[in-house]
Amino acid sequence: MKSGPSLALAALLMGAAACAPPPPPARVVVYEQPVPPPPVREVIVAQPGPEFVWIRGHHRWDERNHAYIWVPGHWQAPPSGYHVWREGHWEHHEHAYVWVEGHWS
């Protein structure tokens, strides 16, 4: 059985890890399709609380089907210490499109 201070330290470290934003995913580069499709018009449902920010939907690349798939938008509360959502987007590079993941800052 863990002692009080060790248990408190473990809880503190777990809490800090839970508040940190997730690491960025692996880089997505698409060569097969020349242009990602335009965004889908979404119906924004009621805001669940004043601290929530709308994260717009986007097209992601589905490697298995070699096609863009729509990921719907959603409400999200910012992680502790973060306030602004930087939207993800596709960047055009010479012969490919590269997905730049959205993130909190």
PDB file of N, CA and C in Angstrom:
ATOM      1  N   MET A   1       0.842  -1.176   0.000  1.00  0.00           N
ATOM      2  CA  MET A   1       0.000   0.000   0.000  1.00  0.00           C
ATOM      3  C   MET A   1       0.890   1.245   0.000  1.00  0.00           C
ATOM      4  N   LYS A   2       0.509   2.275  -0.798  1.00  0.00           N
ATOM      5  CA  LYS A   2       1.296   3.492  -0.890  1.00  0.00           C
ATOM      6  C   LYS A   2       1.064   4.369   0.324  1.00  0.00           C
ATOM      7  N   SER A   3       2.113   5.104   0.697  1.00  0.00           N
ATOM      8  CA  SER A   3       1.985   6.035   1.808  1.00  0.00           C
ATOM      9  C   SER A   3       1.286   7.298   1.340  1.00  0.00           C
ATOM     10  N   GLY A   4       0.859   8.150   2.258  1.00  0.00           N
ATOM     11  CA  GLY A   4       0.145   9.384   1.952  1.00  0.00           C
ATOM     12  C   GLY A   4       0.883  10.282   0.979  1.00  0.00           C
ATOM     13  N   PRO A   5       2.155  10.669   1.243  1.00  0.00           N
ATOM     14  CA  PRO A   5       2.858  11.560   0.320  1.00  0.00           C
ATOM     15  C   PRO A   5       3.044  10.953  -1.072  1.00  0.00           C
ATOM     16  N   SER A   6       3.341   9.653  -1.147  1.00  0.00           N
ATOM     17  CA  SER A   6       3.521   9.015  -2.460  1.00  0.00           C
ATOM     18  C   SER A   6       2.215   9.007  -3.239  1.00  0.00           C
ATOM     19  N   LEU A   7       1.121   8.736  -2.552  1.00  0.00           N
ATOM     20  CA  LEU A   7      -0.187   8.715  -3.186  1.00  0.00           C
ATOM     21  C   LEU A   7      -0.562  10.117  -3.654  1.00  0.00           C
ATOM     22  N   ALA A   8      -0.262  11.128  -2.846  1.00  0.00           N
ATOM     23  CA  ALA A   8      -0.561  12.512  -3.221  1.00  0.00           C
ATOM     24  C   ALA A   8       0.253  12.918  -4.449  1.00  0.00           C
ATOM     25  N   LEU A   9       1.527  12.540  -4.500  1.00  0.00           N
ATOM     26  CA  LEU A   9       2.372  12.855  -5.649  1.00  0.00           C
ATOM     27  C   LEU A   9       1.839  12.180  -6.907  1.00  0.00           C
ATOM     28  N   ALA A  10       1.445  10.925  -6.794  1.00  0.00           N
ATOM     29  CA  ALA A  10       0.898  10.201  -7.945  1.00  0.00           C
ATOM     30  C   ALA A  10      -0.375  10.879  -8.439  1.00  0.00           C
ATOM     31  N   ALA A  11      -1.236  11.311  -7.530  1.00  0.00           N
ATOM     32  CA  ALA A  11      -2.473  11.990  -7.922  1.00  0.00           C
ATOM     33  C   ALA A  11      -2.171  13.322  -8.599  1.00  0.00           C
ATOM     34  N   LEU A  12      -1.187  14.052  -8.085  1.00  0.00           N
ATOM     35  CA  LEU A  12      -0.802  15.331  -8.667  1.00  0.00           C
ATOM     36  C   LEU A  12      -0.282  15.136 -10.091  1.00  0.00           C
ATOM     37  N   LEU A  13       0.575  14.144 -10.296  1.00  0.00           N
ATOM     38  CA  LEU A  13       1.122  13.883 -11.622  1.00  0.00           C
ATOM     39  C   LEU A  13       0.045  13.435 -12.602  1.00  0.00           C
ATOM     40  N   MET A  14      -0.894  12.626 -12.148  1.00  0.00           N
ATOM     41  CA  MET A  14      -1.985  12.182 -13.006  1.00  0.00           C
ATOM     42  C   MET A  14      -2.860  13.369 -13.389  1.00  0.00           C
ATOM     43  N   GLY A  15      -3.111  14.265 -12.438  1.00  0.00           N
ATOM     44  CA  GLY A  15      -3.921  15.446 -12.732  1.00  0.00           C
ATOM     45  C   GLY A  15      -3.237  16.346 -13.728  1.00  0.00           C
ATOM     46  N   ALA A  16      -1.929  16.538 -13.613  1.00  0.00           N
ATOM     47  CA  ALA A  16      -1.179  17.379 -14.548  1.00  0.00           C
ATOM     48  C   ALA A  16      -1.218  16.780 -15.948  1.00  0.00           C
ATOM     49  N   ALA A  17      -1.095  15.472 -16.038  1.00  0.00           N
ATOM     50  CA  ALA A  17      -1.130  14.814 -17.339  1.00  0.00           C
ATOM     51  C   ALA A  17      -2.511  14.944 -17.974  1.00  0.00           C
ATOM     52  N   ALA A  18      -3.571  14.903 -17.165  1.00  0.00           N
ATOM     53  CA  ALA A  18      -4.926  15.011 -17.688  1.00  0.00           C
ATOM     54  C   ALA A  18      -5.204  16.414 -18.219  1.00  0.00           C
ATOM     55  N   CYS A  19      -4.531  17.443 -17.725  1.00  0.00           N
ATOM     56  CA  CYS A  19      -4.765  18.819 -18.145  1.00  0.00           C
ATOM     57  C   CYS A  19      -3.962  19.209 -19.380  1.00  0.00           C
ATOM     58  N   ALA A  20      -2.930  18.482 -19.667  1.00  0.00           N
ATOM     59  CA  ALA A  20      -2.072  18.827 -20.808  1.00  0.00           C
ATOM     60  C   ALA A  20      -2.793  18.503 -22.112  1.00  0.00           C
ATOM     61  N   PRO A  21      -2.647  19.355 -23.146  1.00  0.00           N
ATOM     62  CA  PRO A  21      -3.261  19.020 -24.425  1.00  0.00           C
ATOM     63  C   PRO A  21      -2.588  17.794 -25.019  1.00  0.00           C
ATOM     64  N   PRO A  22      -3.336  17.040 -25.857  1.00  0.00           N
ATOM     65  CA  PRO A  22      -2.746  15.830 -26.432  1.00  0.00           C
ATOM     66  C   PRO A  22      -1.617  16.186 -27.390  1.00  0.00           C
ATOM     67  N   PRO A  23      -0.665  15.273 -27.564  1.00  0.00           N
ATOM     68  CA  PRO A  23       0.424  15.534 -28.510  1.00  0.00           C
ATOM     69  C   PRO A  23      -0.131  15.578 -29.926  1.00  0.00           C
ATOM     70  N   PRO A  24       0.522  16.292 -30.831  1.00  0.00           N
ATOM     71  CA  PRO A  24       0.025  16.345 -32.200  1.00  0.00           C
ATOM     72  C   PRO A  24       0.090  14.975 -32.857  1.00  0.00           C
ATOM     73  N   PRO A  25      -0.888  14.670 -33.714  1.00  0.00           N
ATOM     74  CA  PRO A  25      -0.866  13.368 -34.386  1.00  0.00           C
ATOM     75  C   PRO A  25       0.233  13.338 -35.443  1.00  0.00           C
ATOM     76  N   ALA A  26       0.434  12.161 -36.005  1.00  0.00           N
ATOM     77  CA  ALA A  26       1.432  12.017 -37.063  1.00  0.00           C
ATOM     78  C   ALA A  26       1.058  12.921 -38.232  1.00  0.00           C
ATOM     79  N   ARG A  27       2.042  13.368 -38.957  1.00  0.00           N
ATOM     80  CA  ARG A  27       1.823  14.269 -40.094  1.00  0.00           C
ATOM     81  C   ARG A  27       1.043  13.546 -41.190  1.00  0.00           C
ATOM     82  N   VAL A  28       0.024  14.220 -41.725  1.00  0.00           N
ATOM     83  CA  VAL A  28      -0.789  13.649 -42.798  1.00  0.00           C
ATOM     84  C   VAL A  28      -0.463  14.390 -44.082  1.00  0.00           C
ATOM     85  N   VAL A  29       0.001  13.648 -45.081  1.00  0.00           N
ATOM     86  CA  VAL A  29       0.331  14.216 -46.388  1.00  0.00           C
ATOM     87  C   VAL A  29      -0.483  13.447 -47.429  1.00  0.00           C
ATOM     88  N   VAL A  30      -1.191  14.179 -48.303  1.00  0.00           N
ATOM     89  CA  VAL A  30      -2.050  13.552 -49.303  1.00  0.00           C
ATOM     90  C   VAL A  30      -1.531  13.891 -50.687  1.00  0.00           C
ATOM     91  N   TYR A  31      -1.192  12.860 -51.467  1.00  0.00           N
ATOM     92  CA  TYR A  31      -0.712  13.032 -52.831  1.00  0.00           C
ATOM     93  C   TYR A  31      -1.789  12.657 -53.857  1.00  0.00           C
ATOM     94  N   GLU A  32      -2.698  11.760 -53.480  1.00  0.00           N
ATOM     95  CA  GLU A  32      -3.663  11.208 -54.433  1.00  0.00           C
ATOM     96  C   GLU A  32      -4.699  12.218 -54.909  1.00  0.00           C
ATOM     97  N   GLN A  33      -5.224  13.028 -54.020  1.00  0.00           N
ATOM     98  CA  GLN A  33      -6.269  13.988 -54.365  1.00  0.00           C
ATOM     99  C   GLN A  33      -5.648  15.365 -54.540  1.00  0.00           C
ATOM    100  N   PRO A  34      -5.976  16.089 -55.594  1.00  0.00           N
ATOM    101  CA  PRO A  34      -5.367  17.402 -55.781  1.00  0.00           C
ATOM    102  C   PRO A  34      -5.857  18.456 -54.792  1.00  0.00           C
ATOM    103  N   VAL A  35      -7.125  18.408 -54.399  1.00  0.00           N
ATOM    104  CA  VAL A  35      -7.657  19.463 -53.541  1.00  0.00           C
ATOM    105  C   VAL A  35      -8.617  18.861 -52.511  1.00  0.00           C
ATOM    106  N   PRO A  36      -8.464  19.206 -51.227  1.00  0.00           N
ATOM    107  CA  PRO A  36      -9.469  18.771 -50.255  1.00  0.00           C
ATOM    108  C   PRO A  36     -10.813  19.428 -50.587  1.00  0.00           C
ATOM    109  N   PRO A  37     -11.925  18.734 -50.347  1.00  0.00           N
ATOM    110  CA  PRO A  37     -13.237  19.311 -50.646  1.00  0.00           C
ATOM    111  C   PRO A  37     -13.513  20.540 -49.781  1.00  0.00           C
ATOM    112  N   PRO A  38     -14.454  21.392 -50.217  1.00  0.00           N
ATOM    113  CA  PRO A  38     -14.811  22.544 -49.382  1.00  0.00           C
ATOM    114  C   PRO A  38     -15.492  22.074 -48.104  1.00  0.00           C
ATOM    115  N   PRO A  39     -15.470  22.900 -47.043  1.00  0.00           N
ATOM    116  CA  PRO A  39     -16.125  22.515 -45.788  1.00  0.00           C
ATOM    117  C   PRO A  39     -17.627  22.284 -45.987  1.00  0.00           C
ATOM    118  N   VAL A  40     -18.179  21.414 -45.188  1.00  0.00           N
ATOM    119  CA  VAL A  40     -19.610  21.123 -45.187  1.00  0.00           C
ATOM    120  C   VAL A  40     -20.294  22.167 -44.306  1.00  0.00           C
ATOM    121  N   ARG A  41     -21.457  22.661 -44.737  1.00  0.00           N
ATOM    122  CA  ARG A  41     -22.219  23.580 -43.880  1.00  0.00           C
ATOM    123  C   ARG A  41     -22.787  22.774 -42.723  1.00  0.00           C
ATOM    124  N   GLU A  42     -22.531  23.251 -41.520  1.00  0.00           N
ATOM    125  CA  GLU A  42     -22.970  22.532 -40.329  1.00  0.00           C
ATOM    126  C   GLU A  42     -24.015  23.324 -39.564  1.00  0.00           C
ATOM    127  N   VAL A  43     -24.884  22.605 -38.887  1.00  0.00           N
ATOM    128  CA  VAL A  43     -25.814  23.222 -37.953  1.00  0.00           C
ATOM    129  C   VAL A  43     -25.120  23.193 -36.604  1.00  0.00           C
ATOM    130  N   ILE A  44     -24.927  24.364 -36.017  1.00  0.00           N
ATOM    131  CA  ILE A  44     -24.264  24.441 -34.715  1.00  0.00           C
ATOM    132  C   ILE A  44     -25.328  24.316 -33.638  1.00  0.00           C
ATOM    133  N   VAL A  45     -25.240  23.261 -32.869  1.00  0.00           N
ATOM    134  CA  VAL A  45     -26.214  23.022 -31.800  1.00  0.00           C
ATOM    135  C   VAL A  45     -25.947  23.969 -30.632  1.00  0.00           C
ATOM    136  N   ALA A  46     -26.889  24.020 -29.700  1.00  0.00           N
ATOM    137  CA  ALA A  46     -26.788  24.944 -28.562  1.00  0.00           C
ATOM    138  C   ALA A  46     -25.495  24.733 -27.773  1.00  0.00           C
ATOM    139  N   GLN A  47     -24.892  25.842 -27.384  1.00  0.00           N
ATOM    140  CA  GLN A  47     -23.655  25.818 -26.598  1.00  0.00           C
ATOM    141  C   GLN A  47     -23.959  25.217 -25.221  1.00  0.00           C
ATOM    142  N   PRO A  48     -23.218  24.178 -24.800  1.00  0.00           N
ATOM    143  CA  PRO A  48     -23.505  23.517 -23.527  1.00  0.00           C
ATOM    144  C   PRO A  48     -23.123  24.341 -22.299  1.00  0.00           C
ATOM    145  N   GLY A  49     -22.321  25.364 -22.473  1.00  0.00           N
ATOM    146  CA  GLY A  49     -21.906  26.212 -21.357  1.00  0.00           C
ATOM    147  C   GLY A  49     -21.082  27.367 -21.888  1.00  0.00           C
ATOM    148  N   PRO A  50     -20.948  28.457 -21.102  1.00  0.00           N
ATOM    149  CA  PRO A  50     -20.247  29.646 -21.594  1.00  0.00           C
ATOM    150  C   PRO A  50     -18.763  29.433 -21.873  1.00  0.00           C
ATOM    151  N   GLU A  51     -18.151  28.426 -21.265  1.00  0.00           N
ATOM    152  CA  GLU A  51     -16.724  28.195 -21.468  1.00  0.00           C
ATOM    153  C   GLU A  51     -16.429  27.370 -22.727  1.00  0.00           C
ATOM    154  N   PHE A  52     -17.459  26.824 -23.365  1.00  0.00           N
ATOM    155  CA  PHE A  52     -17.257  25.945 -24.513  1.00  0.00           C
ATOM    156  C   PHE A  52     -17.008  26.735 -25.794  1.00  0.00           C
ATOM    157  N   VAL A  53     -16.142  26.180 -26.656  1.00  0.00           N
ATOM    158  CA  VAL A  53     -15.773  26.783 -27.938  1.00  0.00           C
ATOM    159  C   VAL A  53     -16.182  25.809 -29.040  1.00  0.00           C
ATOM    160  N   TRP A  54     -16.767  26.351 -30.114  1.00  0.00           N
ATOM    161  CA  TRP A  54     -17.147  25.506 -31.249  1.00  0.00           C
ATOM    162  C   TRP A  54     -15.907  25.178 -32.080  1.00  0.00           C
ATOM    163  N   ILE A  55     -15.652  23.900 -32.250  1.00  0.00           N
ATOM    164  CA  ILE A  55     -14.558  23.412 -33.093  1.00  0.00           C
ATOM    165  C   ILE A  55     -15.206  22.985 -34.416  1.00  0.00           C
ATOM    166  N   ARG A  56     -14.948  23.748 -35.472  1.00  0.00           N
ATOM    167  CA  ARG A  56     -15.591  23.449 -36.758  1.00  0.00           C
ATOM    168  C   ARG A  56     -15.149  22.094 -37.293  1.00  0.00           C
ATOM    169  N   GLY A  57     -16.041  21.483 -38.076  1.00  0.00           N
ATOM    170  CA  GLY A  57     -15.714  20.218 -38.716  1.00  0.00           C
ATOM    171  C   GLY A  57     -14.676  20.416 -39.814  1.00  0.00           C
ATOM    172  N   HIS A  58     -14.106  19.316 -40.261  1.00  0.00           N
ATOM    173  CA  HIS A  58     -13.083  19.370 -41.306  1.00  0.00           C
ATOM    174  C   HIS A  58     -13.026  18.034 -42.043  1.00  0.00           C
ATOM    175  N   HIS A  59     -12.418  18.053 -43.195  1.00  0.00           N
ATOM    176  CA  HIS A  59     -12.193  16.806 -43.933  1.00  0.00           C
ATOM    177  C   HIS A  59     -10.858  16.209 -43.491  1.00  0.00           C
ATOM    178  N   ARG A  60     -10.888  14.944 -43.168  1.00  0.00           N
ATOM    179  CA  ARG A  60      -9.642  14.233 -42.862  1.00  0.00           C
ATOM    180  C   ARG A  60      -9.400  13.238 -43.986  1.00  0.00           C
ATOM    181  N   TRP A  61      -8.160  12.827 -44.131  1.00  0.00           N
ATOM    182  CA  TRP A  61      -7.800  11.858 -45.164  1.00  0.00           C
ATOM    183  C   TRP A  61      -7.940  10.456 -44.609  1.00  0.00           C
ATOM    184  N   ASP A  62      -8.709   9.623 -45.316  1.00  0.00           N
ATOM    185  CA  ASP A  62      -8.878   8.217 -44.948  1.00  0.00           C
ATOM    186  C   ASP A  62      -7.990   7.391 -45.876  1.00  0.00           C
ATOM    187  N   GLU A  63      -6.847   6.995 -45.356  1.00  0.00           N
ATOM    188  CA  GLU A  63      -5.845   6.271 -46.153  1.00  0.00           C
ATOM    189  C   GLU A  63      -6.398   4.962 -46.714  1.00  0.00           C
ATOM    190  N   ARG A  64      -7.203   4.264 -45.926  1.00  0.00           N
ATOM    191  CA  ARG A  64      -7.725   2.962 -46.359  1.00  0.00           C
ATOM    192  C   ARG A  64      -8.602   3.084 -47.609  1.00  0.00           C
ATOM    193  N   ASN A  65      -9.470   4.129 -47.637  1.00  0.00           N
ATOM    194  CA  ASN A  65     -10.381   4.309 -48.767  1.00  0.00           C
ATOM    195  C   ASN A  65      -9.879   5.324 -49.794  1.00  0.00           C
ATOM    196  N   HIS A  66      -8.720   5.937 -49.530  1.00  0.00           N
ATOM    197  CA  HIS A  66      -8.155   6.947 -50.425  1.00  0.00           C
ATOM    198  C   HIS A  66      -9.190   8.022 -50.754  1.00  0.00           C
ATOM    199  N   ALA A  67      -9.778   8.566 -49.677  1.00  0.00           N
ATOM    200  CA  ALA A  67     -10.818   9.585 -49.843  1.00  0.00           C
ATOM    201  C   ALA A  67     -10.844  10.488 -48.613  1.00  0.00           C
ATOM    202  N   TYR A  68     -11.368  11.685 -48.812  1.00  0.00           N
ATOM    203  CA  TYR A  68     -11.576  12.591 -47.689  1.00  0.00           C
ATOM    204  C   TYR A  68     -12.884  12.224 -46.994  1.00  0.00           C
ATOM    205  N   ILE A  69     -12.874  12.259 -45.677  1.00  0.00           N
ATOM    206  CA  ILE A  69     -14.046  11.940 -44.854  1.00  0.00           C
ATOM    207  C   ILE A  69     -14.351  13.163 -43.990  1.00  0.00           C
ATOM    208  N   TRP A  70     -15.620  13.525 -43.882  1.00  0.00           N
ATOM    209  CA  TRP A  70     -16.009  14.671 -43.066  1.00  0.00           C
ATOM    210  C   TRP A  70     -16.026  14.294 -41.583  1.00  0.00           C
ATOM    211  N   VAL A  71     -15.361  15.106 -40.765  1.00  0.00           N
ATOM    212  CA  VAL A  71     -15.380  14.966 -39.308  1.00  0.00           C
ATOM    213  C   VAL A  71     -16.243  16.111 -38.798  1.00  0.00           C
ATOM    214  N   PRO A  72     -17.411  15.816 -38.190  1.00  0.00           N
ATOM    215  CA  PRO A  72     -18.312  16.883 -37.765  1.00  0.00           C
ATOM    216  C   PRO A  72     -17.724  17.759 -36.665  1.00  0.00           C
ATOM    217  N   GLY A  73     -18.193  19.009 -36.621  1.00  0.00           N
ATOM    218  CA  GLY A  73     -17.777  19.930 -35.576  1.00  0.00           C
ATOM    219  C   GLY A  73     -18.375  19.538 -34.228  1.00  0.00           C
ATOM    220  N   HIS A  74     -17.842  20.143 -33.170  1.00  0.00           N
ATOM    221  CA  HIS A  74     -18.332  19.826 -31.828  1.00  0.00           C
ATOM    222  C   HIS A  74     -17.946  20.942 -30.857  1.00  0.00           C
ATOM    223  N   TRP A  75     -18.614  20.997 -29.723  1.00  0.00           N
ATOM    224  CA  TRP A  75     -18.272  21.936 -28.663  1.00  0.00           C
ATOM    225  C   TRP A  75     -17.201  21.305 -27.790  1.00  0.00           C
ATOM    226  N   GLN A  76     -16.255  22.135 -27.323  1.00  0.00           N
ATOM    227  CA  GLN A  76     -15.202  21.629 -26.439  1.00  0.00           C
ATOM    228  C   GLN A  76     -14.790  22.726 -25.465  1.00  0.00           C
ATOM    229  N   ALA A  77     -14.597  22.336 -24.207  1.00  0.00           N
ATOM    230  CA  ALA A  77     -14.068  23.271 -23.207  1.00  0.00           C
ATOM    231  C   ALA A  77     -12.554  23.263 -23.321  1.00  0.00           C
ATOM    232  N   PRO A  78     -11.921  24.437 -23.273  1.00  0.00           N
ATOM    233  CA  PRO A  78     -10.458  24.465 -23.385  1.00  0.00           C
ATOM    234  C   PRO A  78      -9.786  23.787 -22.198  1.00  0.00           C
ATOM    235  N   PRO A  79      -8.642  23.145 -22.420  1.00  0.00           N
ATOM    236  CA  PRO A  79      -7.885  22.577 -21.306  1.00  0.00           C
ATOM    237  C   PRO A  79      -7.415  23.705 -20.385  1.00  0.00           C
ATOM    238  N   SER A  80      -7.158  23.393 -19.173  1.00  0.00           N
ATOM    239  CA  SER A  80      -6.704  24.377 -18.195  1.00  0.00           C
ATOM    240  C   SER A  80      -5.482  25.132 -18.716  1.00  0.00           C
ATOM    241  N   GLY A  81      -5.528  26.473 -18.647  1.00  0.00           N
ATOM    242  CA  GLY A  81      -4.408  27.290 -19.076  1.00  0.00           C
ATOM    243  C   GLY A  81      -4.432  27.664 -20.552  1.00  0.00           C
ATOM    244  N   TYR A  82      -5.399  27.163 -21.318  1.00  0.00           N
ATOM    245  CA  TYR A  82      -5.510  27.458 -22.745  1.00  0.00           C
ATOM    246  C   TYR A  82      -6.818  28.202 -22.993  1.00  0.00           C
ATOM    247  N   HIS A  83      -6.822  29.125 -23.956  1.00  0.00           N
ATOM    248  CA  HIS A  83      -8.010  29.945 -24.162  1.00  0.00           C
ATOM    249  C   HIS A  83      -8.464  30.053 -25.609  1.00  0.00           C
ATOM    250  N   VAL A  84      -7.535  29.907 -26.562  1.00  0.00           N
ATOM    251  CA  VAL A  84      -7.852  30.150 -27.966  1.00  0.00           C
ATOM    252  C   VAL A  84      -7.678  28.867 -28.771  1.00  0.00           C
ATOM    253  N   TRP A  85      -8.679  28.540 -29.600  1.00  0.00           N
ATOM    254  CA  TRP A  85      -8.584  27.392 -30.499  1.00  0.00           C
ATOM    255  C   TRP A  85      -8.022  27.863 -31.839  1.00  0.00           C
ATOM    256  N   ARG A  86      -6.918  27.277 -32.270  1.00  0.00           N
ATOM    257  CA  ARG A  86      -6.309  27.546 -33.577  1.00  0.00           C
ATOM    258  C   ARG A  86      -6.803  26.445 -34.521  1.00  0.00           C
ATOM    259  N   GLU A  87      -7.605  26.842 -35.472  1.00  0.00           N
ATOM    260  CA  GLU A  87      -8.269  25.884 -36.343  1.00  0.00           C
ATOM    261  C   GLU A  87      -7.293  25.105 -37.221  1.00  0.00           C
ATOM    262  N   GLY A  88      -7.570  23.819 -37.396  1.00  0.00           N
ATOM    263  CA  GLY A  88      -6.780  22.991 -38.302  1.00  0.00           C
ATOM    264  C   GLY A  88      -7.074  23.371 -39.748  1.00  0.00           C
ATOM    265  N   HIS A  89      -6.143  23.087 -40.634  1.00  0.00           N
ATOM    266  CA  HIS A  89      -6.342  23.431 -42.046  1.00  0.00           C
ATOM    267  C   HIS A  89      -5.389  22.633 -42.926  1.00  0.00           C
ATOM    268  N   TRP A  90      -5.754  22.568 -44.198  1.00  0.00           N
ATOM    269  CA  TRP A  90      -4.904  21.925 -45.190  1.00  0.00           C
ATOM    270  C   TRP A  90      -3.997  22.980 -45.808  1.00  0.00           C
ATOM    271  N   GLU A  91      -2.704  22.682 -45.885  1.00  0.00           N
ATOM    272  CA  GLU A  91      -1.737  23.565 -46.537  1.00  0.00           C
ATOM    273  C   GLU A  91      -1.283  22.914 -47.838  1.00  0.00           C
ATOM    274  N   HIS A  92      -1.228  23.729 -48.886  1.00  0.00           N
ATOM    275  CA  HIS A  92      -0.760  23.212 -50.170  1.00  0.00           C
ATOM    276  C   HIS A  92       0.760  23.318 -50.233  1.00  0.00           C
ATOM    277  N   HIS A  93       1.403  22.213 -50.516  1.00  0.00           N
ATOM    278  CA  HIS A  93       2.849  22.157 -50.727  1.00  0.00           C
ATOM    279  C   HIS A  93       3.070  21.533 -52.094  1.00  0.00           C
ATOM    280  N   GLU A  94       4.014  21.982 -52.800  1.00  0.00           N
ATOM    281  CA  GLU A  94       4.324  21.625 -54.174  1.00  0.00           C
ATOM    282  C   GLU A  94       3.420  20.571 -54.817  1.00  0.00           C
ATOM    283  N   HIS A  95       3.508  19.322 -54.416  1.00  0.00           N
ATOM    284  CA  HIS A  95       2.717  18.261 -55.062  1.00  0.00           C
ATOM    285  C   HIS A  95       1.815  17.536 -54.078  1.00  0.00           C
ATOM    286  N   ALA A  96       1.484  18.188 -52.976  1.00  0.00           N
ATOM    287  CA  ALA A  96       0.684  17.503 -51.955  1.00  0.00           C
ATOM    288  C   ALA A  96      -0.027  18.516 -51.073  1.00  0.00           C
ATOM    289  N   TYR A  97      -0.971  18.000 -50.295  1.00  0.00           N
ATOM    290  CA  TYR A  97      -1.626  18.776 -49.252  1.00  0.00           C
ATOM    291  C   TYR A  97      -1.223  18.181 -47.914  1.00  0.00           C
ATOM    292  N   VAL A  98      -0.933  19.061 -46.960  1.00  0.00           N
ATOM    293  CA  VAL A  98      -0.507  18.633 -45.624  1.00  0.00           C
ATOM    294  C   VAL A  98      -1.518  19.147 -44.616  1.00  0.00           C
ATOM    295  N   TRP A  99      -2.004  18.279 -43.744  1.00  0.00           N
ATOM    296  CA  TRP A  99      -2.950  18.660 -42.708  1.00  0.00           C
ATOM    297  C   TRP A  99      -2.191  19.247 -41.523  1.00  0.00           C
ATOM    298  N   VAL A 100      -2.572  20.461 -41.131  1.00  0.00           N
ATOM    299  CA  VAL A 100      -2.023  21.116 -39.931  1.00  0.00           C
ATOM    300  C   VAL A 100      -3.106  21.013 -38.871  1.00  0.00           C
ATOM    301  N   GLU A 101      -2.842  20.225 -37.859  1.00  0.00           N
ATOM    302  CA  GLU A 101      -3.835  19.919 -36.824  1.00  0.00           C
ATOM    303  C   GLU A 101      -4.203  21.167 -36.029  1.00  0.00           C
ATOM    304  N   GLY A 102      -5.485  21.312 -35.702  1.00  0.00           N
ATOM    305  CA  GLY A 102      -5.924  22.390 -34.829  1.00  0.00           C
ATOM    306  C   GLY A 102      -5.381  22.167 -33.428  1.00  0.00           C
ATOM    307  N   HIS A 103      -5.232  23.267 -32.653  1.00  0.00           N
ATOM    308  CA  HIS A 103      -4.686  23.123 -31.306  1.00  0.00           C
ATOM    309  C   HIS A 103      -5.092  24.309 -30.430  1.00  0.00           C
ATOM    310  N   TRP A 104      -5.011  24.125 -29.142  1.00  0.00           N
ATOM    311  CA  TRP A 104      -5.285  25.171 -28.163  1.00  0.00           C
ATOM    312  C   TRP A 104      -4.007  25.958 -27.898  1.00  0.00           C
ATOM    313  N   SER A 105      -4.171  27.266 -27.688  1.00  0.00           N
ATOM    314  CA  SER A 105      -3.017  28.076 -27.302  1.00  0.00           C
ATOM    315  C   SER A 105      -3.423  29.049 -26.221  1.00  0.00           C
TER     316      SER A 105
END
